[in-house]
PDB file of N, CA and C in Angstrom:
ATOM      1  N   MET A   1      16.918 -16.325   4.129  1.00  0.00           N
ATOM      2  CA  MET A   1      15.728 -15.750   4.373  1.00  0.00           C
ATOM      3  C   MET A   1      15.087 -16.365   3.088  1.00  0.00           C
ATOM      4  N   SER A   2      13.469 -16.638   3.077  1.00  0.00           N
ATOM      5  CA  SER A   2      12.850 -17.281   2.019  1.00  0.00           C
ATOM      6  C   SER A   2      12.587 -15.930   1.120  1.00  0.00           C
ATOM      7  N   THR A   3      12.465 -16.127  -0.394  1.00  0.00           N
ATOM      8  CA  THR A   3      12.318 -15.109  -1.162  1.00  0.00           C
ATOM      9  C   THR A   3      10.641 -14.960  -1.797  1.00  0.00           C
ATOM     10  N   LEU A   4       9.818 -15.713  -0.746  1.00  0.00           N
ATOM     11  CA  LEU A   4       8.387 -15.710  -1.310  1.00  0.00           C
ATOM     12  C   LEU A   4       7.735 -14.399  -0.853  1.00  0.00           C
ATOM     13  N   PRO A   5       8.246 -13.851   0.167  1.00  0.00           N
ATOM     14  CA  PRO A   5       7.339 -12.740   0.879  1.00  0.00           C
ATOM     15  C   PRO A   5       7.737 -11.653  -0.129  1.00  0.00           C
ATOM     16  N   TYR A   6       9.129 -11.222  -0.484  1.00  0.00           N
ATOM     17  CA  TYR A   6       9.392 -10.434  -1.595  1.00  0.00           C
ATOM     18  C   TYR A   6       8.550 -10.529  -3.052  1.00  0.00           C
ATOM     19  N   LEU A   7       8.654 -11.849  -3.618  1.00  0.00           N
ATOM     20  CA  LEU A   7       8.152 -12.513  -4.679  1.00  0.00           C
ATOM     21  C   LEU A   7       6.264 -11.929  -4.955  1.00  0.00           C
ATOM     22  N   THR A   8       5.620 -12.115  -3.414  1.00  0.00           N
ATOM     23  CA  THR A   8       4.342 -11.908  -3.244  1.00  0.00           C
ATOM     24  C   THR A   8       4.269 -10.569  -3.533  1.00  0.00           C
ATOM     25  N   ALA A   9       5.235  -9.566  -2.844  1.00  0.00           N
ATOM     26  CA  ALA A   9       4.903  -7.845  -2.906  1.00  0.00           C
ATOM     27  C   ALA A   9       4.895  -7.772  -4.184  1.00  0.00           C
ATOM     28  N   GLY A  10       5.974  -8.155  -5.013  1.00  0.00           N
ATOM     29  CA  GLY A  10       6.308  -7.864  -6.487  1.00  0.00           C
ATOM     30  C   GLY A  10       5.087  -8.400  -6.999  1.00  0.00           C
ATOM     31  N   TRP A  11       4.529  -9.331  -7.032  1.00  0.00           N
ATOM     32  CA  TRP A  11       3.313  -9.778  -8.171  1.00  0.00           C
ATOM     33  C   TRP A  11       1.741  -8.966  -7.681  1.00  0.00           C
ATOM     34  N   ILE A  12       1.760  -8.596  -6.235  1.00  0.00           N
ATOM     35  CA  ILE A  12       0.556  -7.743  -5.804  1.00  0.00           C
ATOM     36  C   ILE A  12       0.993  -6.531  -6.664  1.00  0.00           C
ATOM     37  N   MET A  13       2.243  -5.716  -6.398  1.00  0.00           N
ATOM     38  CA  MET A  13       2.320  -4.448  -7.340  1.00  0.00           C
ATOM     39  C   MET A  13       2.047  -5.104  -8.773  1.00  0.00           C
ATOM     40  N   LEU A  14       2.571  -5.528  -9.446  1.00  0.00           N
ATOM     41  CA  LEU A  14       2.211  -5.705 -10.861  1.00  0.00           C
ATOM     42  C   LEU A  14       0.894  -5.904 -11.148  1.00  0.00           C
ATOM     43  N   ALA A  15       0.115  -6.699 -10.143  1.00  0.00           N
ATOM     44  CA  ALA A  15      -1.139  -6.417 -10.615  1.00  0.00           C
ATOM     45  C   ALA A  15      -1.971  -5.512 -10.394  1.00  0.00           C
ATOM     46  N   GLY A  16      -1.429  -4.963  -9.489  1.00  0.00           N
ATOM     47  CA  GLY A  16      -2.146  -3.416  -9.188  1.00  0.00           C
ATOM     48  C   GLY A  16      -1.856  -2.595  -9.976  1.00  0.00           C
ATOM     49  N   LEU A  17      -0.595  -2.368 -10.862  1.00  0.00           N
ATOM     50  CA  LEU A  17       0.035  -1.818 -11.697  1.00  0.00           C
ATOM     51  C   LEU A  17      -0.774  -2.036 -13.552  1.00  0.00           C
ATOM     52  N   TYR A  18      -0.877  -3.290 -13.413  1.00  0.00           N
ATOM     53  CA  TYR A  18      -1.353  -3.505 -14.623  1.00  0.00           C
ATOM     54  C   TYR A  18      -3.028  -3.478 -14.587  1.00  0.00           C
ATOM     55  N   GLY A  19      -3.692  -3.195 -13.516  1.00  0.00           N
ATOM     56  CA  GLY A  19      -5.589  -2.863 -13.500  1.00  0.00           C
ATOM     57  C   GLY A  19      -5.204  -1.481 -13.728  1.00  0.00           C
ATOM     58  N   VAL A  20      -4.041  -0.781 -13.398  1.00  0.00           N
ATOM     59  CA  VAL A  20      -4.212   0.773 -13.545  1.00  0.00           C
ATOM     60  C   VAL A  20      -4.114   1.147 -15.107  1.00  0.00           C
ATOM     61  N   VAL A  21      -3.163   0.285 -15.449  1.00  0.00           N
ATOM     62  CA  VAL A  21      -2.709   0.745 -17.027  1.00  0.00           C
ATOM     63  C   VAL A  21      -4.061   0.317 -18.057  1.00  0.00           C
ATOM     64  N   THR A  22      -4.812  -0.865 -17.535  1.00  0.00           N
ATOM     65  CA  THR A  22      -5.614  -1.208 -18.641  1.00  0.00           C
ATOM     66  C   THR A  22      -7.358  -0.949 -18.381  1.00  0.00           C
ATOM     67  N   THR A  23      -7.418  -0.112 -17.000  1.00  0.00           N
ATOM     68  CA  THR A  23      -8.859   0.393 -16.635  1.00  0.00           C
ATOM     69  C   THR A  23      -9.538   1.216 -17.577  1.00  0.00           C
ATOM     70  N   ARG A  24     -10.615   1.050 -17.629  1.00  0.00           N
ATOM     71  CA  ARG A  24     -11.512   1.974 -18.497  1.00  0.00           C
ATOM     72  C   ARG A  24     -12.423   2.784 -17.670  1.00  0.00           C
ATOM     73  N   ASP A  25     -12.570   2.516 -16.065  1.00  0.00           N
ATOM     74  CA  ASP A  25     -12.951   3.355 -15.024  1.00  0.00           C
ATOM     75  C   ASP A  25     -12.060   3.881 -14.298  1.00  0.00           C
ATOM     76  N   LEU A  26     -12.353   4.994 -13.871  1.00  0.00           N
ATOM     77  CA  LEU A  26     -11.845   5.551 -12.546  1.00  0.00           C
ATOM     78  C   LEU A  26     -11.907   5.056 -11.087  1.00  0.00           C
ATOM     79  N   VAL A  27     -13.033   4.674 -10.940  1.00  0.00           N
ATOM     80  CA  VAL A  27     -13.055   3.762  -9.692  1.00  0.00           C
ATOM     81  C   VAL A  27     -12.227   2.629  -9.481  1.00  0.00           C
ATOM     82  N   HIS A  28     -12.379   1.947 -10.615  1.00  0.00           N
ATOM     83  CA  HIS A  28     -11.373   0.873 -10.963  1.00  0.00           C
ATOM     84  C   HIS A  28      -9.825   1.103 -10.728  1.00  0.00           C
ATOM     85  N   ALA A  29      -9.526   2.359 -11.016  1.00  0.00           N
ATOM     86  CA  ALA A  29      -8.343   2.583 -11.183  1.00  0.00           C
ATOM     87  C   ALA A  29      -7.827   2.973 -10.026  1.00  0.00           C
ATOM     88  N   VAL A  30      -8.747   3.271  -9.099  1.00  0.00           N
ATOM     89  CA  VAL A  30      -8.292   3.626  -7.755  1.00  0.00           C
ATOM     90  C   VAL A  30      -8.213   2.623  -6.791  1.00  0.00           C
ATOM     91  N   VAL A  31      -9.151   1.598  -7.048  1.00  0.00           N
ATOM     92  CA  VAL A  31      -9.150   0.362  -6.322  1.00  0.00           C
ATOM     93  C   VAL A  31      -7.730  -0.160  -6.765  1.00  0.00           C
ATOM     94  N   CYS A  32      -7.301  -0.342  -8.014  1.00  0.00           N
ATOM     95  CA  CYS A  32      -5.879  -0.556  -8.301  1.00  0.00           C
ATOM     96  C   CYS A  32      -4.716  -0.195  -7.806  1.00  0.00           C
ATOM     97  N   VAL A  33      -4.916   1.134  -7.712  1.00  0.00           N
ATOM     98  CA  VAL A  33      -3.769   1.761  -7.156  1.00  0.00           C
ATOM     99  C   VAL A  33      -3.848   1.660  -5.543  1.00  0.00           C
ATOM    100  N   SER A  34      -5.086   1.181  -4.836  1.00  0.00           N
ATOM    101  CA  SER A  34      -4.632   0.847  -3.345  1.00  0.00           C
ATOM    102  C   SER A  34      -4.364  -0.558  -3.533  1.00  0.00           C
ATOM    103  N   VAL A  35      -4.542  -1.382  -4.762  1.00  0.00           N
ATOM    104  CA  VAL A  35      -3.915  -2.806  -4.296  1.00  0.00           C
ATOM    105  C   VAL A  35      -2.418  -2.322  -4.607  1.00  0.00           C
ATOM    106  N   THR A  36      -1.925  -1.819  -5.678  1.00  0.00           N
ATOM    107  CA  THR A  36      -0.565  -1.520  -5.504  1.00  0.00           C
ATOM    108  C   THR A  36       0.069  -1.002  -4.479  1.00  0.00           C
ATOM    109  N   GLN A  37      -0.518  -0.139  -3.712  1.00  0.00           N
ATOM    110  CA  GLN A  37      -0.005   0.483  -2.390  1.00  0.00           C
ATOM    111  C   GLN A  37       0.204  -0.721  -1.239  1.00  0.00           C
ATOM    112  N   SER A  38      -0.934  -2.164  -1.296  1.00  0.00           N
ATOM    113  CA  SER A  38      -0.928  -3.193  -0.449  1.00  0.00           C
ATOM    114  C   SER A  38       0.371  -3.620  -0.693  1.00  0.00           C
ATOM    115  N   GLY A  39       0.755  -3.613  -1.720  1.00  0.00           N
ATOM    116  CA  GLY A  39       1.998  -4.460  -2.018  1.00  0.00           C
ATOM    117  C   GLY A  39       3.201  -4.129  -1.262  1.00  0.00           C
ATOM    118  N   THR A  40       3.257  -2.605  -1.323  1.00  0.00           N
ATOM    119  CA  THR A  40       4.221  -2.078  -0.186  1.00  0.00           C
ATOM    120  C   THR A  40       3.923  -2.289   0.935  1.00  0.00           C
ATOM    121  N   TYR A  41       2.844  -2.608   1.650  1.00  0.00           N
ATOM    122  CA  TYR A  41       2.982  -3.140   2.877  1.00  0.00           C
ATOM    123  C   TYR A  41       3.280  -4.543   3.259  1.00  0.00           C
ATOM    124  N   VAL A  42       3.373  -5.417   2.164  1.00  0.00           N
ATOM    125  CA  VAL A  42       4.057  -6.729   2.286  1.00  0.00           C
ATOM    126  C   VAL A  42       5.060  -6.179   1.962  1.00  0.00           C
ATOM    127  N   LEU A  43       5.857  -5.675   1.375  1.00  0.00           N
ATOM    128  CA  LEU A  43       7.107  -5.640   1.116  1.00  0.00           C
ATOM    129  C   LEU A  43       7.868  -4.971   2.481  1.00  0.00           C
ATOM    130  N   LEU A  44       7.188  -4.031   3.129  1.00  0.00           N
ATOM    131  CA  LEU A  44       7.914  -3.354   4.461  1.00  0.00           C
ATOM    132  C   LEU A  44       7.822  -4.623   5.232  1.00  0.00           C
ATOM    133  N   LEU A  45       6.601  -5.116   5.462  1.00  0.00           N
ATOM    134  CA  LEU A  45       6.735  -6.499   6.506  1.00  0.00           C
ATOM    135  C   LEU A  45       7.776  -7.669   6.344  1.00  0.00           C
ATOM    136  N   ALA A  46       7.729  -7.498   5.180  1.00  0.00           N
ATOM    137  CA  ALA A  46       8.786  -8.978   4.811  1.00  0.00           C
ATOM    138  C   ALA A  46      10.388  -8.274   5.135  1.00  0.00           C
ATOM    139  N   ILE A  47      10.720  -6.892   4.911  1.00  0.00           N
ATOM    140  CA  ILE A  47      12.049  -6.560   5.396  1.00  0.00           C
ATOM    141  C   ILE A  47      12.075  -6.378   6.823  1.00  0.00           C
ATOM    142  N   GLY A  48      10.846  -6.217   7.699  1.00  0.00           N
ATOM    143  CA  GLY A  48      11.432  -5.872   9.149  1.00  0.00           C
ATOM    144  C   GLY A  48      11.151  -7.293   9.826  1.00  0.00           C
ATOM    145  N   TYR A  49      10.554  -8.436   9.141  1.00  0.00           N
ATOM    146  CA  TYR A  49      10.490  -9.884   9.909  1.00  0.00           C
ATOM    147  C   TYR A  49      11.595 -10.240  10.252  1.00  0.00           C
ATOM    148  N   ARG A  50      11.696 -10.649  11.523  1.00  0.00           N
ATOM    149  CA  ARG A  50      12.942 -11.422  12.307  1.00  0.00           C
ATOM    150  C   ARG A  50      12.206 -12.615  12.943  1.00  0.00           C
ATOM    151  N   SER A  51      12.764 -13.964  12.139  1.00  0.00           N
ATOM    152  CA  SER A  51      12.168 -14.859  12.620  1.00  0.00           C
ATOM    153  C   SER A  51      12.615 -15.586  14.104  1.00  0.00           C
ATOM    154  N   GLY A  52      11.531 -15.634  15.223  1.00  0.00           N
ATOM    155  CA  GLY A  52      12.117 -15.759  16.771  1.00  0.00           C
ATOM    156  C   GLY A  52      12.219 -14.576  17.516  1.00  0.00           C
ATOM    157  N   ALA A  53      11.971 -13.391  16.600  1.00  0.00           N
ATOM    158  CA  ALA A  53      12.088 -11.966  17.453  1.00  0.00           C
ATOM    159  C   ALA A  53      10.840 -11.450  17.947  1.00  0.00           C
ATOM    160  N   THR A  54      10.991 -10.862  19.152  1.00  0.00           N
ATOM    161  CA  THR A  54       9.688 -10.338  19.803  1.00  0.00           C
ATOM    162  C   THR A  54       9.688  -8.889  19.735  1.00  0.00           C
ATOM    163  N   ALA A  55       8.722  -8.156  20.211  1.00  0.00           N
ATOM    164  CA  ALA A  55       8.700  -6.231  19.905  1.00  0.00           C
ATOM    165  C   ALA A  55       9.426  -6.072  20.955  1.00  0.00           C
ATOM    166  N   PRO A  56       9.948  -4.876  20.610  1.00  0.00           N
ATOM    167  CA  PRO A  56      11.585  -4.493  21.460  1.00  0.00           C
ATOM    168  C   PRO A  56      10.532  -3.685  22.843  1.00  0.00           C
ATOM    169  N   VAL A  57       9.397  -3.657  23.006  1.00  0.00           N
ATOM    170  CA  VAL A  57       8.620  -2.855  24.065  1.00  0.00           C
ATOM    171  C   VAL A  57       8.600  -3.600  25.290  1.00  0.00           C
ATOM    172  N   PHE A  58       8.777  -4.678  25.203  1.00  0.00           N
ATOM    173  CA  PHE A  58       8.343  -5.660  26.687  1.00  0.00           C
ATOM    174  C   PHE A  58       9.559  -4.989  27.358  1.00  0.00           C
ATOM    175  N   SER A  59       9.104  -4.929  28.583  1.00  0.00           N
ATOM    176  CA  SER A  59      10.030  -4.572  29.723  1.00  0.00           C
ATOM    177  C   SER A  59      10.526  -5.878  30.732  1.00  0.00           C
ATOM    178  N   ASP A  60       9.953  -6.678  30.379  1.00  0.00           N
ATOM    179  CA  ASP A  60      10.185  -8.092  31.374  1.00  0.00           C
ATOM    180  C   ASP A  60      11.309  -8.902  30.966  1.00  0.00           C
ATOM    181  N   ARG A  61      11.877  -8.287  29.535  1.00  0.00           N
ATOM    182  CA  ARG A  61      12.916  -9.275  28.831  1.00  0.00           C
ATOM    183  C   ARG A  61      14.043  -8.572  28.869  1.00  0.00           C
ATOM    184  N   PRO A  62      15.401  -8.991  29.286  1.00  0.00           N
ATOM    185  CA  PRO A  62      16.637  -8.569  29.394  1.00  0.00           C
ATOM    186  C   PRO A  62      16.772  -7.980  27.712  1.00  0.00           C
ATOM    187  N   PRO A  63      18.101  -7.076  27.868  1.00  0.00           N
ATOM    188  CA  PRO A  63      18.458  -6.368  26.757  1.00  0.00           C
ATOM    189  C   PRO A  63      18.740  -7.546  25.532  1.00  0.00           C
ATOM    190  N   PRO A  64      19.016  -7.143  24.212  1.00  0.00           N
ATOM    191  CA  PRO A  64      18.816  -8.444  23.173  1.00  0.00           C
ATOM    192  C   PRO A  64      20.126  -9.414  23.093  1.00  0.00           C
ATOM    193  N   PRO A  65      21.105  -9.121  23.802  1.00  0.00           N
ATOM    194  CA  PRO A  65      22.173  -9.995  23.396  1.00  0.00           C
ATOM    195  C   PRO A  65      21.774 -11.465  24.785  1.00  0.00           C
ATOM    196  N   ALA A  66      21.198 -11.054  25.601  1.00  0.00           N
ATOM    197  CA  ALA A  66      20.846 -12.029  26.569  1.00  0.00           C
ATOM    198  C   ALA A  66      19.360 -12.474  26.182  1.00  0.00           C
ATOM    199  N   GLY A  67      18.308 -11.877  25.722  1.00  0.00           N
ATOM    200  CA  GLY A  67      17.274 -12.334  25.769  1.00  0.00           C
ATOM    201  C   GLY A  67      16.767 -12.382  24.290  1.00  0.00           C
ATOM    202  N   GLY A  68      17.566 -12.733  23.532  1.00  0.00           N
ATOM    203  CA  GLY A  68      17.192 -12.905  22.118  1.00  0.00           C
ATOM    204  C   GLY A  68      16.762 -11.730  21.024  1.00  0.00           C
ATOM    205  N   PRO A  69      16.678 -11.810  19.767  1.00  0.00           N
ATOM    206  CA  PRO A  69      16.569 -10.613  19.193  1.00  0.00           C
ATOM    207  C   PRO A  69      15.017 -10.016  19.042  1.00  0.00           C
ATOM    208  N   VAL A  70      15.354  -8.686  18.561  1.00  0.00           N
ATOM    209  CA  VAL A  70      14.015  -7.914  18.850  1.00  0.00           C
ATOM    210  C   VAL A  70      13.936  -7.425  17.408  1.00  0.00           C
ATOM    211  N   THR A  71      12.365  -7.203  16.961  1.00  0.00           N
ATOM    212  CA  THR A  71      12.238  -6.575  15.861  1.00  0.00           C
ATOM    213  C   THR A  71      12.454  -5.102  15.690  1.00  0.00           C
ATOM    214  N   ASP A  72      12.834  -4.558  14.631  1.00  0.00           N
ATOM    215  CA  ASP A  72      12.735  -3.091  14.375  1.00  0.00           C
ATOM    216  C   ASP A  72      11.764  -2.438  14.308  1.00  0.00           C
ATOM    217  N   PRO A  73      11.245  -1.662  15.422  1.00  0.00           N
ATOM    218  CA  PRO A  73      10.181  -0.781  15.476  1.00  0.00           C
ATOM    219  C   PRO A  73      10.274   0.218  14.275  1.00  0.00           C
ATOM    220  N   VAL A  74      11.043   0.597  13.657  1.00  0.00           N
ATOM    221  CA  VAL A  74      11.098   1.851  12.920  1.00  0.00           C
ATOM    222  C   VAL A  74      10.387   1.242  11.545  1.00  0.00           C
ATOM    223  N   VAL A  75      10.588  -0.229  11.105  1.00  0.00           N
ATOM    224  CA  VAL A  75       9.905  -0.625   9.799  1.00  0.00           C
ATOM    225  C   VAL A  75       8.304  -0.897  10.168  1.00  0.00           C
ATOM    226  N   GLN A  76       8.004  -0.999  11.235  1.00  0.00           N
ATOM    227  CA  GLN A  76       6.744  -1.369  11.665  1.00  0.00           C
ATOM    228  C   GLN A  76       5.968  -0.189  11.928  1.00  0.00           C
ATOM    229  N   ALA A  77       6.745   1.011  12.155  1.00  0.00           N
ATOM    230  CA  ALA A  77       6.091   2.448  12.265  1.00  0.00           C
ATOM    231  C   ALA A  77       6.052   2.986  10.990  1.00  0.00           C
ATOM    232  N   MET A  78       6.802   2.885   9.748  1.00  0.00           N
ATOM    233  CA  MET A  78       7.093   3.123   8.233  1.00  0.00           C
ATOM    234  C   MET A  78       5.614   2.262   7.582  1.00  0.00           C
ATOM    235  N   THR A  79       5.358   1.239   8.361  1.00  0.00           N
ATOM    236  CA  THR A  79       4.130   0.128   7.757  1.00  0.00           C
ATOM    237  C   THR A  79       2.865   1.006   8.147  1.00  0.00           C
ATOM    238  N   LEU A  80       2.820   1.229   9.272  1.00  0.00           N
ATOM    239  CA  LEU A  80       1.631   1.905   9.521  1.00  0.00           C
ATOM    240  C   LEU A  80       1.216   3.326   9.222  1.00  0.00           C
ATOM    241  N   THR A  81       2.667   4.010   8.771  1.00  0.00           N
ATOM    242  CA  THR A  81       2.308   5.563   8.570  1.00  0.00           C
ATOM    243  C   THR A  81       1.895   5.188   6.833  1.00  0.00           C
ATOM    244  N   ASP A  82       2.429   3.959   6.139  1.00  0.00           N
ATOM    245  CA  ASP A  82       1.915   3.689   4.962  1.00  0.00           C
ATOM    246  C   ASP A  82       0.904   3.588   4.701  1.00  0.00           C
ATOM    247  N   ILE A  83       0.214   2.601   5.580  1.00  0.00           N
ATOM    248  CA  ILE A  83      -0.951   2.577   5.694  1.00  0.00           C
ATOM    249  C   ILE A  83      -2.006   3.707   5.937  1.00  0.00           C
ATOM    250  N   VAL A  84      -1.790   4.506   6.883  1.00  0.00           N
ATOM    251  CA  VAL A  84      -2.744   5.674   6.780  1.00  0.00           C
ATOM    252  C   VAL A  84      -2.405   6.657   5.588  1.00  0.00           C
ATOM    253  N   VAL A  85      -1.174   6.775   4.757  1.00  0.00           N
ATOM    254  CA  VAL A  85      -1.178   7.400   3.816  1.00  0.00           C
ATOM    255  C   VAL A  85      -1.467   6.919   2.484  1.00  0.00           C
ATOM    256  N   GLY A  86      -1.862   5.671   2.699  1.00  0.00           N
ATOM    257  CA  GLY A  86      -2.686   5.040   1.476  1.00  0.00           C
ATOM    258  C   GLY A  86      -4.239   4.941   1.442  1.00  0.00           C
ATOM    259  N   ALA A  87      -4.777   5.188   2.849  1.00  0.00           N
ATOM    260  CA  ALA A  87      -6.131   5.383   3.244  1.00  0.00           C
ATOM    261  C   ALA A  87      -6.292   6.753   2.833  1.00  0.00           C
ATOM    262  N   THR A  88      -5.505   7.561   3.123  1.00  0.00           N
ATOM    263  CA  THR A  88      -5.896   9.078   2.721  1.00  0.00           C
ATOM    264  C   THR A  88      -5.700   9.538   1.041  1.00  0.00           C
ATOM    265  N   VAL A  89      -4.840   8.590   0.486  1.00  0.00           N
ATOM    266  CA  VAL A  89      -4.655   8.823  -0.953  1.00  0.00           C
ATOM    267  C   VAL A  89      -6.163   8.187  -1.570  1.00  0.00           C
ATOM    268  N   THR A  90      -6.536   6.857  -1.143  1.00  0.00           N
ATOM    269  CA  THR A  90      -7.384   6.425  -1.949  1.00  0.00           C
ATOM    270  C   THR A  90      -8.987   7.530  -1.583  1.00  0.00           C
ATOM    271  N   ALA A  91      -9.025   7.841  -0.336  1.00  0.00           N
ATOM    272  CA  ALA A  91     -10.099   8.624  -0.039  1.00  0.00           C
ATOM    273  C   ALA A  91     -10.164  10.195  -0.850  1.00  0.00           C
ATOM    274  N   LEU A  92      -9.004  10.462  -1.068  1.00  0.00           N
ATOM    275  CA  LEU A  92      -9.041  11.667  -2.266  1.00  0.00           C
ATOM    276  C   LEU A  92      -9.198  11.335  -3.464  1.00  0.00           C
ATOM    277  N   LEU A  93      -8.694  10.256  -3.904  1.00  0.00           N
ATOM    278  CA  LEU A  93      -8.869   9.820  -5.327  1.00  0.00           C
ATOM    279  C   LEU A  93     -10.391   9.719  -5.531  1.00  0.00           C
ATOM    280  N   LEU A  94     -11.038   8.624  -4.636  1.00  0.00           N
ATOM    281  CA  LEU A  94     -12.496   8.688  -4.711  1.00  0.00           C
ATOM    282  C   LEU A  94     -13.252   9.825  -4.912  1.00  0.00           C
ATOM    283  N   ALA A  95     -12.842  10.923  -3.943  1.00  0.00           N
ATOM    284  CA  ALA A  95     -13.613  12.009  -3.952  1.00  0.00           C
ATOM    285  C   ALA A  95     -13.400  12.660  -5.363  1.00  0.00           C
ATOM    286  N   LEU A  96     -12.305  12.620  -5.933  1.00  0.00           N
ATOM    287  CA  LEU A  96     -11.976  13.077  -7.300  1.00  0.00           C
ATOM    288  C   LEU A  96     -13.119  12.567  -8.411  1.00  0.00           C
ATOM    289  N   ALA A  97     -12.623  11.161  -7.969  1.00  0.00           N
ATOM    290  CA  ALA A  97     -13.715  10.456  -9.060  1.00  0.00           C
ATOM    291  C   ALA A  97     -15.191  10.787  -9.131  1.00  0.00           C
ATOM    292  N   VAL A  98     -15.731  11.083  -7.810  1.00  0.00           N
ATOM    293  CA  VAL A  98     -17.011  11.431  -7.717  1.00  0.00           C
ATOM    294  C   VAL A  98     -17.263  12.919  -8.022  1.00  0.00           C
ATOM    295  N   GLN A  99     -16.285  14.002  -8.051  1.00  0.00           N
ATOM    296  CA  GLN A  99     -16.508  15.043  -8.795  1.00  0.00           C
ATOM    297  C   GLN A  99     -16.541  15.189 -10.067  1.00  0.00           C
ATOM    298  N   VAL A 100     -15.645  14.147 -10.606  1.00  0.00           N
ATOM    299  CA  VAL A 100     -15.340  14.311 -12.355  1.00  0.00           C
ATOM    300  C   VAL A 100     -17.075  13.372 -12.882  1.00  0.00           C
ATOM    301  N   ALA A 101     -17.546  12.437 -11.916  1.00  0.00           N
ATOM    302  CA  ALA A 101     -18.439  12.013 -12.229  1.00  0.00           C
ATOM    303  C   ALA A 101     -19.699  12.887 -12.334  1.00  0.00           C
ATOM    304  N   LYS A 102     -19.566  13.871 -11.331  1.00  0.00           N
ATOM    305  CA  LYS A 102     -20.765  15.015 -10.956  1.00  0.00           C
ATOM    306  C   LYS A 102     -20.923  15.796 -12.436  1.00  0.00           C
ATOM    307  N   ARG A 103     -19.482  16.567 -12.492  1.00  0.00           N
ATOM    308  CA  ARG A 103     -19.341  17.369 -13.600  1.00  0.00           C
ATOM    309  C   ARG A 103     -19.442  16.869 -14.812  1.00  0.00           C
ATOM    310  N   ARG A 104     -18.836  15.961 -15.363  1.00  0.00           N
ATOM    311  CA  ARG A 104     -18.605  15.383 -16.602  1.00  0.00           C
ATOM    312  C   ARG A 104     -19.545  14.148 -17.035  1.00  0.00           C
ATOM    313  N   ALA A 105     -20.470  13.733 -16.274  1.00  0.00           N
ATOM    314  CA  ALA A 105     -21.355  12.758 -16.261  1.00  0.00           C
ATOM    315  C   ALA A 105     -20.728  11.292 -16.892  1.00  0.00           C
ATOM    316  N   THR A 106     -19.457  10.909 -16.826  1.00  0.00           N
ATOM    317  CA  THR A 106     -18.666   9.890 -16.930  1.00  0.00           C
ATOM    318  C   THR A 106     -17.397   9.480 -15.995  1.00  0.00           C
ATOM    319  N   LEU A 107     -17.302   8.288 -16.010  1.00  0.00           N
ATOM    320  CA  LEU A 107     -16.158   7.645 -15.322  1.00  0.00           C
ATOM    321  C   LEU A 107     -14.760   7.041 -15.893  1.00  0.00           C
ATOM    322  N   ASP A 108     -15.417   7.280 -17.593  1.00  0.00           N
ATOM    323  CA  ASP A 108     -14.474   6.778 -18.356  1.00  0.00           C
ATOM    324  C   ASP A 108     -13.242   7.298 -18.729  1.00  0.00           C
ATOM    325  N   PRO A 109     -12.109   7.586 -18.572  1.00  0.00           N
ATOM    326  CA  PRO A 109     -11.369   8.286 -18.653  1.00  0.00           C
ATOM    327  C   PRO A 109     -10.901   9.010 -20.240  1.00  0.00           C
ATOM    328  N   GLY A 110     -11.205   7.911 -21.051  1.00  0.00           N
ATOM    329  CA  GLY A 110     -11.032   8.318 -22.379  1.00  0.00           C
ATOM    330  C   GLY A 110     -12.320   9.138 -22.834  1.00  0.00           C
ATOM    331  N   ALA A 111     -13.191   8.839 -22.744  1.00  0.00           N
ATOM    332  CA  ALA A 111     -14.498   9.738 -22.715  1.00  0.00           C
ATOM    333  C   ALA A 111     -14.305  11.394 -22.074  1.00  0.00           C
ATOM    334  N   LEU A 112     -13.279  11.820 -21.398  1.00  0.00           N
ATOM    335  CA  LEU A 112     -13.290  12.963 -20.600  1.00  0.00           C
ATOM    336  C   LEU A 112     -12.779  13.788 -21.970  1.00  0.00           C
ATOM    337  N   ARG A 113     -13.064  14.661 -21.940  1.00  0.00           N
ATOM    338  CA  ARG A 113     -12.794  15.889 -22.710  1.00  0.00           C
ATOM    339  C   ARG A 113     -11.707  16.837 -22.141  1.00  0.00           C
ATOM    340  N   THR A 114     -11.036  17.704 -22.953  1.00  0.00           N
ATOM    341  CA  THR A 114     -10.045  18.218 -22.138  1.00  0.00           C
ATOM    342  C   THR A 114     -10.971  19.662 -21.341  1.00  0.00           C
ATOM    343  N   LEU A 115      -9.899  20.120 -20.573  1.00  0.00           N
ATOM    344  CA  LEU A 115     -10.654  21.222 -19.955  1.00  0.00           C
ATOM    345  C   LEU A 115     -10.877  22.569 -20.664  1.00  0.00           C
ATOM    346  N   GLU A 116     -10.160  22.684 -21.774  1.00  0.00           N
ATOM    347  CA  GLU A 116     -10.350  23.940 -22.628  1.00  0.00           C
ATOM    348  C   GLU A 116     -11.931  23.703 -23.182  1.00  0.00           C
ATOM    349  N   PRO A 117     -12.050  25.024 -23.424  1.00  0.00           N
ATOM    350  CA  PRO A 117     -13.393  25.712 -24.022  1.00  0.00           C
ATOM    351  C   PRO A 117     -13.969  24.879 -25.477  1.00  0.00           C
TER     352      PRO A 117
END
């Protein structure tokens, strides 16, 4: 199997991680975390891909030895779960950034003072 999907997933994750490390804006950091999460989608789909395989839910095909290979539905379910968790985390972080902007009047992490009086 080709290593291109794995390299693509790694590149997407590194690009998102680089954005998180170098950002000076909380909203940009949230977007970079979302990009990093997208790398995990590509990685999971690359792991679960089988050339020439079909979905295991078709009832008109005989079992795998006679009907050909089928894909693993667990990897597909994990990818869907990862998408839902990623959307939830992104929404939570954006809501947190909005609250920080309301209370502290800045989105620059370096300009935020400590919580101590």
